[in-house]
Amino acid sequence: KEAAASVRRVLALRGFDVSDEVRDRVEACHNLATLHDWLDKAVTATTLDDVFGAEE
């Protein structure tokens, strides 16, 4: 849960729209390695695609 909250927080602080869809996707992920990957990408991302790939 803390890793998911961190992903959401970094996205919000960087000015991304943390929509219900994004929030739900992050909350539904229980793979810590994936959450850490998203968190790392969120730090430098310029788009949500940079974080999640073209699926968003």
Protein backbone atom coordinates (compact mmCIF):
# COMPACT_ATOMS: atom_id res chain seq x y z
CA LYS A 1 0.00 0.00 0.00
CA GLU A 2 2.79 2.43 0.79
CA ALA A 3 4.45 1.85 -2.57
CA ALA A 4 1.16 2.51 -4.37
CA ALA A 5 0.64 5.67 -2.32
CA SER A 6 4.14 6.80 -3.23
CA VAL A 7 3.47 6.33 -6.95
CA ARG A 8 0.26 8.35 -6.71
CA ARG A 9 1.94 11.06 -4.65
CA VAL A 10 4.88 11.52 -7.02
CA LEU A 11 2.54 11.66 -10.01
CA ALA A 12 0.37 14.28 -8.29
CA LEU A 13 3.35 16.35 -7.15
CA ARG A 14 4.70 16.33 -10.69
CA GLY A 15 1.39 17.71 -11.95
CA PHE A 16 -0.09 14.62 -13.55
CA ASP A 17 -3.83 14.05 -13.47
CA VAL A 18 -4.25 11.10 -11.12
CA SER A 19 -7.58 10.02 -12.53
CA ASP A 20 -9.75 7.30 -11.06
CA GLU A 21 -8.42 4.97 -13.77
CA VAL A 22 -4.80 5.67 -12.84
CA ARG A 23 -5.53 5.40 -9.12
CA ASP A 24 -7.38 2.11 -9.61
CA ARG A 25 -4.57 0.68 -11.72
CA VAL A 26 -1.93 1.56 -9.15
CA GLU A 27 -4.05 0.31 -6.24
CA ALA A 28 -4.80 -2.97 -8.05
CA CYS A 29 -1.10 -3.73 -8.52
CA HIS A 30 0.27 -6.01 -5.80
CA ASN A 31 3.64 -6.61 -7.46
CA LEU A 32 6.18 -4.59 -5.48
CA ALA A 33 8.73 -4.70 -8.31
CA THR A 34 6.20 -3.18 -10.72
CA LEU A 35 5.25 -0.47 -8.23
CA HIS A 36 8.92 0.38 -7.68
CA ASP A 37 9.43 0.51 -11.45
CA TRP A 38 6.49 2.89 -11.84
CA LEU A 39 7.78 5.03 -8.97
CA ASP A 40 11.23 5.27 -10.55
CA LYS A 41 9.71 6.23 -13.89
CA ALA A 42 7.32 8.75 -12.30
CA VAL A 43 10.27 10.78 -11.04
CA THR A 44 11.42 11.70 -14.56
CA ALA A 45 8.34 11.04 -16.72
CA THR A 46 6.95 13.72 -18.99
CA THR A 47 3.77 11.75 -19.76
CA LEU A 48 1.80 8.96 -18.13
CA ASP A 49 2.86 6.77 -21.06
CA ASP A 50 6.43 7.15 -19.78
CA VAL A 51 5.30 5.56 -16.51
CA PHE A 52 2.76 2.96 -17.59
CA GLY A 53 3.53 2.45 -21.27
CA ALA A 54 1.09 3.08 -24.11
CA GLU A 55 -1.74 1.35 -22.22
CA GLU A 56 -2.84 4.55 -20.40
